[in-house]
Amino acid sequence: MRMDSKKFIEKSGLDAQTIESILKNFERNGLISDLNYRYSCPSISLIIHQETFDILNRGGFTLQEAMLQKEIENLLLEIEQIRPTVGDKIEKISNIANNIASIVGSFLNGLNSIKQF
């Protein structure tokens, strides 16, 4: 596929460097190949693969992002279900013990202060 560089840049609303970055990313991901994009050249040439059209027809990267978000939500739910484990209980007990030790320490310091009078 061959496209006019200036028209492509105008329609996209992006600058030339951003377009180049995006196209190179598409090439690395196998969506396009044989990319020939140069700032001084009046045209861009590339081969668009079928996978690109498949992604576009399925909602593009928005769909992939939504699927990723859903998987993250599922993972967080799973983590939440296994959260009250032994480690959490030990941490809670340790916090309670530290609080008790702090209170007892304050009480003993108070008694020592009274004895000194």
Protein backbone atom coordinates (compact mmCIF):
# COMPACT_ATOMS: atom_id res chain seq x y z
CA MET A 1 0.00 0.00 0.00
CA ARG A 2 1.29 3.45 -0.89
CA MET A 3 -0.02 6.64 0.73
CA ASP A 4 0.71 10.34 0.39
CA SER A 5 2.77 11.35 3.46
CA LYS A 6 1.36 14.86 3.83
CA LYS A 7 -2.27 13.72 3.53
CA PHE A 8 -1.66 10.90 5.98
CA ILE A 9 -0.13 13.29 8.53
CA GLU A 10 -2.97 15.79 8.08
CA LYS A 11 -5.71 13.15 8.47
CA SER A 12 -4.10 11.61 11.54
CA GLY A 13 -3.58 14.91 13.33
CA LEU A 14 -0.23 13.64 14.62
CA ASP A 15 3.29 14.82 13.98
CA ALA A 16 5.67 12.89 11.71
CA GLN A 17 7.76 11.48 14.58
CA THR A 18 4.70 10.11 16.39
CA ILE A 19 3.42 8.49 13.20
CA GLU A 20 6.80 6.88 12.62
CA SER A 21 6.85 5.52 16.19
CA ILE A 22 3.36 4.08 15.84
CA LEU A 23 4.09 2.49 12.47
CA LYS A 24 7.34 0.96 13.74
CA ASN A 25 5.44 -0.45 16.71
CA PHE A 26 2.86 -1.95 14.34
CA GLU A 27 5.70 -3.46 12.33
CA ARG A 28 7.32 -4.97 15.47
CA ASN A 29 3.95 -6.47 16.43
CA GLY A 30 3.44 -8.00 12.99
CA LEU A 31 0.48 -5.85 11.96
CA ILE A 32 2.36 -4.35 9.02
CA SER A 33 5.59 -5.11 7.18
CA ASP A 34 7.96 -3.61 4.63
CA LEU A 35 7.54 -0.16 6.14
CA ASN A 36 9.19 2.56 4.09
CA TYR A 37 8.64 5.86 5.88
CA ARG A 38 11.03 8.76 5.49
CA TYR A 39 10.43 12.38 6.37
CA SER A 40 11.78 13.63 3.06
CA CYS A 41 9.85 11.13 0.94
CA PRO A 42 6.44 12.25 -0.43
CA SER A 43 4.89 8.83 0.15
CA ILE A 44 4.68 6.04 2.70
CA SER A 45 4.65 2.42 1.64
CA LEU A 46 3.84 -0.63 3.73
CA ILE A 47 2.06 -3.96 3.64
CA ILE A 48 -0.96 -4.31 5.92
CA HIS A 49 -1.52 -7.82 7.29
CA GLN A 50 -4.88 -9.51 7.83
CA GLU A 51 -4.40 -9.39 11.60
CA THR A 52 -4.65 -5.60 11.40
CA PHE A 53 -8.10 -5.80 9.83
CA ASP A 54 -9.14 -8.44 12.38
CA ILE A 55 -8.15 -6.15 15.25
CA LEU A 56 -9.95 -3.23 13.64
CA ASN A 57 -13.13 -5.28 13.11
CA ARG A 58 -13.09 -6.45 16.74
CA GLY A 59 -12.88 -2.97 18.21
CA GLY A 60 -9.19 -2.32 17.84
CA PHE A 61 -6.91 -1.92 20.79
CA THR A 62 -9.85 -0.71 22.88
CA LEU A 63 -11.11 -4.29 22.99
CA GLN A 64 -7.70 -5.60 24.00
CA GLU A 65 -7.51 -3.00 26.75
CA ALA A 66 -11.00 -3.90 27.98
CA MET A 67 -10.07 -7.60 28.04
CA LEU A 68 -6.89 -6.81 29.97
CA GLN A 69 -8.86 -4.68 32.44
CA LYS A 70 -11.32 -7.55 32.95
CA GLU A 71 -8.48 -9.99 33.59
CA ILE A 72 -6.94 -7.61 36.13
CA GLU A 73 -10.30 -7.32 37.90
CA ASN A 74 -10.59 -11.13 38.00
CA LEU A 75 -7.07 -11.38 39.42
CA LEU A 76 -7.86 -8.82 42.12
CA LEU A 77 -11.00 -10.75 43.08
CA GLU A 78 -9.00 -13.96 43.37
CA ILE A 79 -6.40 -12.22 45.53
CA GLU A 80 -9.15 -10.80 47.73
CA GLN A 81 -10.63 -14.29 48.26
CA ILE A 82 -7.34 -15.79 49.44
CA ARG A 83 -6.29 -12.74 51.40
CA PRO A 84 -7.14 -13.82 54.95
CA THR A 85 -4.27 -16.30 55.07
CA VAL A 86 -1.98 -17.30 57.89
CA GLY A 87 0.43 -14.51 56.97
CA ASP A 88 -2.29 -11.90 57.38
CA LYS A 89 -3.33 -13.40 60.71
CA ILE A 90 0.27 -13.38 61.94
CA GLU A 91 0.57 -9.74 60.88
CA LYS A 92 -2.62 -8.82 62.77
CA ILE A 93 -1.48 -10.70 65.89
CA SER A 94 1.93 -9.05 65.64
CA ASN A 95 0.33 -5.60 65.41
CA ILE A 96 -1.86 -6.33 68.45
CA ALA A 97 1.16 -7.60 70.41
CA ASN A 98 3.15 -4.48 69.49
CA ASN A 99 0.26 -2.28 70.60
CA ILE A 100 0.01 -4.16 73.91
CA ALA A 101 3.78 -3.90 74.43
CA SER A 102 3.62 -0.18 73.75
CA ILE A 103 0.78 0.31 76.23
CA VAL A 104 2.55 -1.79 78.89
CA GLY A 105 5.78 0.09 78.28
CA SER A 106 4.01 3.42 78.73
CA PHE A 107 2.34 2.14 81.91
CA LEU A 108 5.67 0.91 83.35
CA ASN A 109 7.36 4.20 82.49
CA GLY A 110 4.53 5.99 84.26
CA LEU A 111 5.01 3.81 87.37
CA ASN A 112 8.75 4.50 87.37
CA SER A 113 8.03 8.24 87.19
CA ILE A 114 5.70 7.97 90.20
CA LYS A 115 8.29 5.99 92.22
CA GLN A 116 10.89 8.70 91.64
CA PHE A 117 8.72 11.31 93.41
